[in-house]
Amino acid sequence: MSENRIKIRPYEFSDHFFRQTGLLVTKNKGGETNVMALDWKSIGELWHIPIITIAVAPSRYSFQYLTKGIREFTVNIPSPEIEDAIMITGSSSGRSTDKFKKAGLERIKGEEVQVPTLKNSLLSYECEIVHETQSGNMAPHHLFFGKILKAYAHKSITK
């Protein structure tokens, strides 16, 4: 684990989770990772399990990783140091761009999942997909429910 973050309970610092766009990291079965900006996210409890729900459009490259790759993901809430990554990862595709390199993002090996978290995140969550469904007719998104296996906070917000 990075020396600048500590393990937290899943719902600690949730005000930061809801307030800011996140960075979703996914991984395919070949070991390649992708990152995308993530606005549609929620944290709560389902079936007495701490859950993060994310909404991803089927047209997104990350959708392929979520449905056909490793059935895990991480959600990372960027610190001011890396918040420019939101615009970069939200305006280009991992199909043709190494968004980690373009945004200057560094990966941290997951402790409970195969998908990495991101260095210099205010919050990071390691999740295993436990359910998925279509979101309905209004928006062509797919909902993924991830059981939170581990959560971290940057020391700057835990003081």
C-alpha atoms as a PDB file:
ATOM      1  CA  MET A   1       0.000   0.000   0.000  1.00  0.00           C
ATOM      2  CA  SER A   2       1.173   3.533  -0.728  1.00  0.00           C
ATOM      3  CA  GLU A   3       2.645   5.324   2.270  1.00  0.00           C
ATOM      4  CA  ASN A   4       0.299   8.289   1.661  1.00  0.00           C
ATOM      5  CA  ARG A   5      -2.954   6.417   2.202  1.00  0.00           C
ATOM      6  CA  ILE A   6      -4.656   4.419   4.906  1.00  0.00           C
ATOM      7  CA  LYS A   7      -7.357   1.747   4.915  1.00  0.00           C
ATOM      8  CA  ILE A   8     -10.817   3.095   5.792  1.00  0.00           C
ATOM      9  CA  ARG A   9     -14.361   1.812   6.266  1.00  0.00           C
ATOM     10  CA  PRO A  10     -16.303   1.945   2.965  1.00  0.00           C
ATOM     11  CA  TYR A  11     -18.568   4.878   3.881  1.00  0.00           C
ATOM     12  CA  GLU A  12     -16.005   7.130   5.523  1.00  0.00           C
ATOM     13  CA  PHE A  13     -15.436  10.378   3.639  1.00  0.00           C
ATOM     14  CA  SER A  14     -18.393   9.652   1.341  1.00  0.00           C
ATOM     15  CA  ASP A  15     -18.913  13.411   0.976  1.00  0.00           C
ATOM     16  CA  HIS A  16     -15.791  13.409  -1.242  1.00  0.00           C
ATOM     17  CA  PHE A  17     -17.129  10.404  -3.169  1.00  0.00           C
ATOM     18  CA  PHE A  18     -20.394  12.130  -4.095  1.00  0.00           C
ATOM     19  CA  ARG A  19     -18.946  15.588  -4.697  1.00  0.00           C
ATOM     20  CA  GLN A  20     -16.430  14.786  -7.407  1.00  0.00           C
ATOM     21  CA  THR A  21     -16.114  12.924 -10.687  1.00  0.00           C
ATOM     22  CA  GLY A  22     -14.282   9.644 -10.252  1.00  0.00           C
ATOM     23  CA  LEU A  23     -11.799   7.674 -12.309  1.00  0.00           C
ATOM     24  CA  LEU A  24     -12.858   4.116 -13.102  1.00  0.00           C
ATOM     25  CA  VAL A  25     -10.083   1.585 -13.722  1.00  0.00           C
ATOM     26  CA  THR A  26     -10.824  -1.742 -15.429  1.00  0.00           C
ATOM     27  CA  LYS A  27      -8.709  -4.632 -16.693  1.00  0.00           C
ATOM     28  CA  ASN A  28      -9.090  -7.120 -19.528  1.00  0.00           C
ATOM     29  CA  LYS A  29      -8.128 -10.793 -19.390  1.00  0.00           C
ATOM     30  CA  GLY A  30      -4.894  -9.999 -21.253  1.00  0.00           C
ATOM     31  CA  GLY A  31      -3.775  -7.788 -18.357  1.00  0.00           C
ATOM     32  CA  GLU A  32      -4.287  -4.401 -20.060  1.00  0.00           C
ATOM     33  CA  THR A  33      -5.892  -1.683 -17.960  1.00  0.00           C
ATOM     34  CA  ASN A  34      -8.111   1.211 -18.978  1.00  0.00           C
ATOM     35  CA  VAL A  35      -9.247   4.323 -17.142  1.00  0.00           C
ATOM     36  CA  MET A  36     -12.287   6.517 -17.777  1.00  0.00           C
ATOM     37  CA  ALA A  37     -13.943   9.511 -16.147  1.00  0.00           C
ATOM     38  CA  LEU A  38     -16.958   8.389 -14.118  1.00  0.00           C
ATOM     39  CA  ASP A  39     -19.812  10.692 -13.119  1.00  0.00           C
ATOM     40  CA  TRP A  40     -22.597   8.171 -12.666  1.00  0.00           C
ATOM     41  CA  LYS A  41     -21.671   6.415  -9.449  1.00  0.00           C
ATOM     42  CA  SER A  42     -23.230   5.731  -6.078  1.00  0.00           C
ATOM     43  CA  ILE A  43     -22.147   4.165  -2.808  1.00  0.00           C
ATOM     44  CA  GLY A  44     -24.411   2.407  -0.345  1.00  0.00           C
ATOM     45  CA  GLU A  45     -25.552  -0.969   0.859  1.00  0.00           C
ATOM     46  CA  LEU A  46     -27.430  -3.730  -0.951  1.00  0.00           C
ATOM     47  CA  TRP A  47     -28.109  -7.177   0.449  1.00  0.00           C
ATOM     48  CA  HIS A  48     -26.243  -6.030   3.638  1.00  0.00           C
ATOM     49  CA  ILE A  49     -23.088  -5.611   1.530  1.00  0.00           C
ATOM     50  CA  PRO A  50     -21.187  -2.342   0.944  1.00  0.00           C
ATOM     51  CA  ILE A  51     -21.688  -1.613  -2.769  1.00  0.00           C
ATOM     52  CA  ILE A  52     -20.565   0.892  -5.372  1.00  0.00           C
ATOM     53  CA  THR A  53     -22.901   1.140  -8.343  1.00  0.00           C
ATOM     54  CA  ILE A  54     -21.506   2.524 -11.594  1.00  0.00           C
ATOM     55  CA  ALA A  55     -23.242   3.303 -14.895  1.00  0.00           C
ATOM     56  CA  VAL A  56     -21.256   2.728 -18.095  1.00  0.00           C
ATOM     57  CA  ALA A  57     -22.531   3.066 -21.665  1.00  0.00           C
ATOM     58  CA  PRO A  58     -22.063  -0.014 -23.875  1.00  0.00           C
ATOM     59  CA  SER A  59     -20.206   2.180 -26.389  1.00  0.00           C
ATOM     60  CA  ARG A  60     -17.387   2.827 -23.903  1.00  0.00           C
ATOM     61  CA  TYR A  61     -14.177   0.841 -24.173  1.00  0.00           C
ATOM     62  CA  SER A  62     -14.323   0.165 -20.415  1.00  0.00           C
ATOM     63  CA  PHE A  63     -17.664  -1.593 -20.951  1.00  0.00           C
ATOM     64  CA  GLN A  64     -15.862  -4.394 -22.825  1.00  0.00           C
ATOM     65  CA  TYR A  65     -13.387  -4.744 -19.952  1.00  0.00           C
ATOM     66  CA  LEU A  66     -16.216  -4.900 -17.397  1.00  0.00           C
ATOM     67  CA  THR A  67     -18.285  -7.470 -19.297  1.00  0.00           C
ATOM     68  CA  LYS A  68     -15.606  -9.630 -20.941  1.00  0.00           C
ATOM     69  CA  GLY A  69     -12.527  -8.930 -18.842  1.00  0.00           C
ATOM     70  CA  ILE A  70     -11.677  -9.228 -15.165  1.00  0.00           C
ATOM     71  CA  ARG A  71     -14.962  -8.898 -13.237  1.00  0.00           C
ATOM     72  CA  GLU A  72     -13.519  -6.267 -10.920  1.00  0.00           C
ATOM     73  CA  PHE A  73     -12.985  -2.513 -10.984  1.00  0.00           C
ATOM     74  CA  THR A  74     -11.592   0.301  -8.901  1.00  0.00           C
ATOM     75  CA  VAL A  75     -13.134   3.716  -8.377  1.00  0.00           C
ATOM     76  CA  ASN A  76     -10.700   6.487  -7.541  1.00  0.00           C
ATOM     77  CA  ILE A  77     -11.563  10.025  -6.472  1.00  0.00           C
ATOM     78  CA  PRO A  78      -8.687  12.198  -7.692  1.00  0.00           C
ATOM     79  CA  SER A  79      -6.832  14.674  -5.518  1.00  0.00           C
ATOM     80  CA  PRO A  80      -6.198  18.189  -6.881  1.00  0.00           C
ATOM     81  CA  GLU A  81      -2.788  16.876  -7.963  1.00  0.00           C
ATOM     82  CA  ILE A  82      -4.336  14.551 -10.561  1.00  0.00           C
ATOM     83  CA  GLU A  83      -7.782  16.070 -11.189  1.00  0.00           C
ATOM     84  CA  ASP A  84      -6.745  17.128 -14.722  1.00  0.00           C
ATOM     85  CA  ALA A  85      -6.975  13.413 -15.495  1.00  0.00           C
ATOM     86  CA  ILE A  86     -10.772  13.716 -15.427  1.00  0.00           C
ATOM     87  CA  MET A  87     -10.800  15.857 -18.578  1.00  0.00           C
ATOM     88  CA  ILE A  88      -8.101  13.779 -20.287  1.00  0.00           C
ATOM     89  CA  THR A  89      -9.691  10.396 -19.573  1.00  0.00           C
ATOM     90  CA  GLY A  90     -13.152  11.696 -20.377  1.00  0.00           C
ATOM     91  CA  SER A  91     -12.216  13.076 -23.792  1.00  0.00           C
ATOM     92  CA  SER A  92     -10.223  10.210 -25.327  1.00  0.00           C
ATOM     93  CA  SER A  93     -10.662   6.470 -25.803  1.00  0.00           C
ATOM     94  CA  GLY A  94      -8.447   3.691 -24.517  1.00  0.00           C
ATOM     95  CA  ARG A  95      -8.963   2.011 -27.887  1.00  0.00           C
ATOM     96  CA  SER A  96      -6.404   4.384 -29.402  1.00  0.00           C
ATOM     97  CA  THR A  97      -4.763   6.197 -26.476  1.00  0.00           C
ATOM     98  CA  ASP A  98      -2.771   5.173 -23.413  1.00  0.00           C
ATOM     99  CA  LYS A  99      -4.760   7.399 -21.084  1.00  0.00           C
ATOM    100  CA  PHE A 100      -2.593   6.549 -18.063  1.00  0.00           C
ATOM    101  CA  LYS A 101       0.448   7.930 -19.861  1.00  0.00           C
ATOM    102  CA  LYS A 102      -1.403  10.904 -21.358  1.00  0.00           C
ATOM    103  CA  ALA A 103      -2.822  11.893 -17.945  1.00  0.00           C
ATOM    104  CA  GLY A 104       0.358  11.094 -15.986  1.00  0.00           C
ATOM    105  CA  LEU A 105      -1.439   8.548 -13.800  1.00  0.00           C
ATOM    106  CA  GLU A 106       0.497   6.018 -11.735  1.00  0.00           C
ATOM    107  CA  ARG A 107      -1.037   2.673 -10.823  1.00  0.00           C
ATOM    108  CA  ILE A 108      -0.876   0.983  -7.416  1.00  0.00           C
ATOM    109  CA  LYS A 109      -1.300  -2.801  -7.377  1.00  0.00           C
ATOM    110  CA  GLY A 110      -4.643  -3.841  -5.927  1.00  0.00           C
ATOM    111  CA  GLU A 111      -4.559  -5.713  -2.639  1.00  0.00           C
ATOM    112  CA  GLU A 112      -7.880  -7.579  -2.979  1.00  0.00           C
ATOM    113  CA  VAL A 113      -8.430  -7.289  -6.745  1.00  0.00           C
ATOM    114  CA  GLN A 114      -6.323  -7.635  -9.882  1.00  0.00           C
ATOM    115  CA  VAL A 115      -7.250  -4.116 -11.018  1.00  0.00           C
ATOM    116  CA  PRO A 116      -4.951  -1.313  -9.816  1.00  0.00           C
ATOM    117  CA  THR A 117      -5.931   1.811  -7.935  1.00  0.00           C
ATOM    118  CA  LEU A 118      -4.445   5.225  -8.723  1.00  0.00           C
ATOM    119  CA  LYS A 119      -1.682   6.985  -6.835  1.00  0.00           C
ATOM    120  CA  ASN A 120      -2.581  10.423  -5.441  1.00  0.00           C
ATOM    121  CA  SER A 121      -6.294   9.677  -5.186  1.00  0.00           C
ATOM    122  CA  LEU A 122      -8.240  11.120  -2.266  1.00  0.00           C
ATOM    123  CA  LEU A 123     -10.252   7.895  -2.126  1.00  0.00           C
ATOM    124  CA  SER A 124      -9.827   4.497  -3.788  1.00  0.00           C
ATOM    125  CA  TYR A 125     -12.178   1.515  -3.716  1.00  0.00           C
ATOM    126  CA  GLU A 126     -11.420  -2.045  -4.824  1.00  0.00           C
ATOM    127  CA  CYS A 127     -14.595  -3.761  -6.032  1.00  0.00           C
ATOM    128  CA  GLU A 128     -15.734  -7.149  -7.311  1.00  0.00           C
ATOM    129  CA  ILE A 129     -18.748  -7.179  -9.653  1.00  0.00           C
ATOM    130  CA  VAL A 130     -21.645  -9.024  -7.988  1.00  0.00           C
ATOM    131  CA  HIS A 131     -24.495  -7.981 -10.288  1.00  0.00           C
ATOM    132  CA  GLU A 132     -25.219  -6.058 -13.471  1.00  0.00           C
ATOM    133  CA  THR A 133     -28.330  -4.894 -15.307  1.00  0.00           C
ATOM    134  CA  GLN A 134     -29.506  -2.473 -17.973  1.00  0.00           C
ATOM    135  CA  SER A 135     -30.517   0.942 -16.681  1.00  0.00           C
ATOM    136  CA  GLY A 136     -33.797   1.199 -18.602  1.00  0.00           C
ATOM    137  CA  ASN A 137     -35.033   2.936 -21.719  1.00  0.00           C
ATOM    138  CA  MET A 138     -34.078   6.538 -20.936  1.00  0.00           C
ATOM    139  CA  ALA A 139     -30.299   6.228 -20.977  1.00  0.00           C
ATOM    140  CA  PRO A 140     -28.357   3.514 -22.791  1.00  0.00           C
ATOM    141  CA  HIS A 141     -26.200   2.622 -19.791  1.00  0.00           C
ATOM    142  CA  HIS A 142     -25.463  -0.591 -17.965  1.00  0.00           C
ATOM    143  CA  LEU A 143     -25.340  -0.683 -14.155  1.00  0.00           C
ATOM    144  CA  PHE A 144     -22.565  -2.636 -12.451  1.00  0.00           C
ATOM    145  CA  PHE A 145     -22.800  -3.356  -8.728  1.00  0.00           C
ATOM    146  CA  GLY A 146     -19.405  -3.805  -7.124  1.00  0.00           C
ATOM    147  CA  LYS A 147     -18.917  -5.266  -3.648  1.00  0.00           C
ATOM    148  CA  ILE A 148     -16.390  -3.036  -1.881  1.00  0.00           C
ATOM    149  CA  LEU A 149     -13.536  -5.297  -0.793  1.00  0.00           C
ATOM    150  CA  LYS A 150     -11.158  -2.565   0.348  1.00  0.00           C
ATOM    151  CA  ALA A 151     -11.242   1.227   0.635  1.00  0.00           C
ATOM    152  CA  TYR A 152      -8.454   3.762   1.126  1.00  0.00           C
ATOM    153  CA  ALA A 153      -8.180   7.470   1.864  1.00  0.00           C
ATOM    154  CA  HIS A 154      -5.254   9.790   1.252  1.00  0.00           C
ATOM    155  CA  LYS A 155      -3.750  10.930   4.537  1.00  0.00           C
ATOM    156  CA  SER A 156      -4.429  14.572   3.621  1.00  0.00           C
ATOM    157  CA  ILE A 157      -8.179  14.100   4.243  1.00  0.00           C
ATOM    158  CA  THR A 158      -7.909  11.835   7.290  1.00  0.00           C
ATOM    159  CA  LYS A 159      -6.242  14.348   9.603  1.00  0.00           C
END
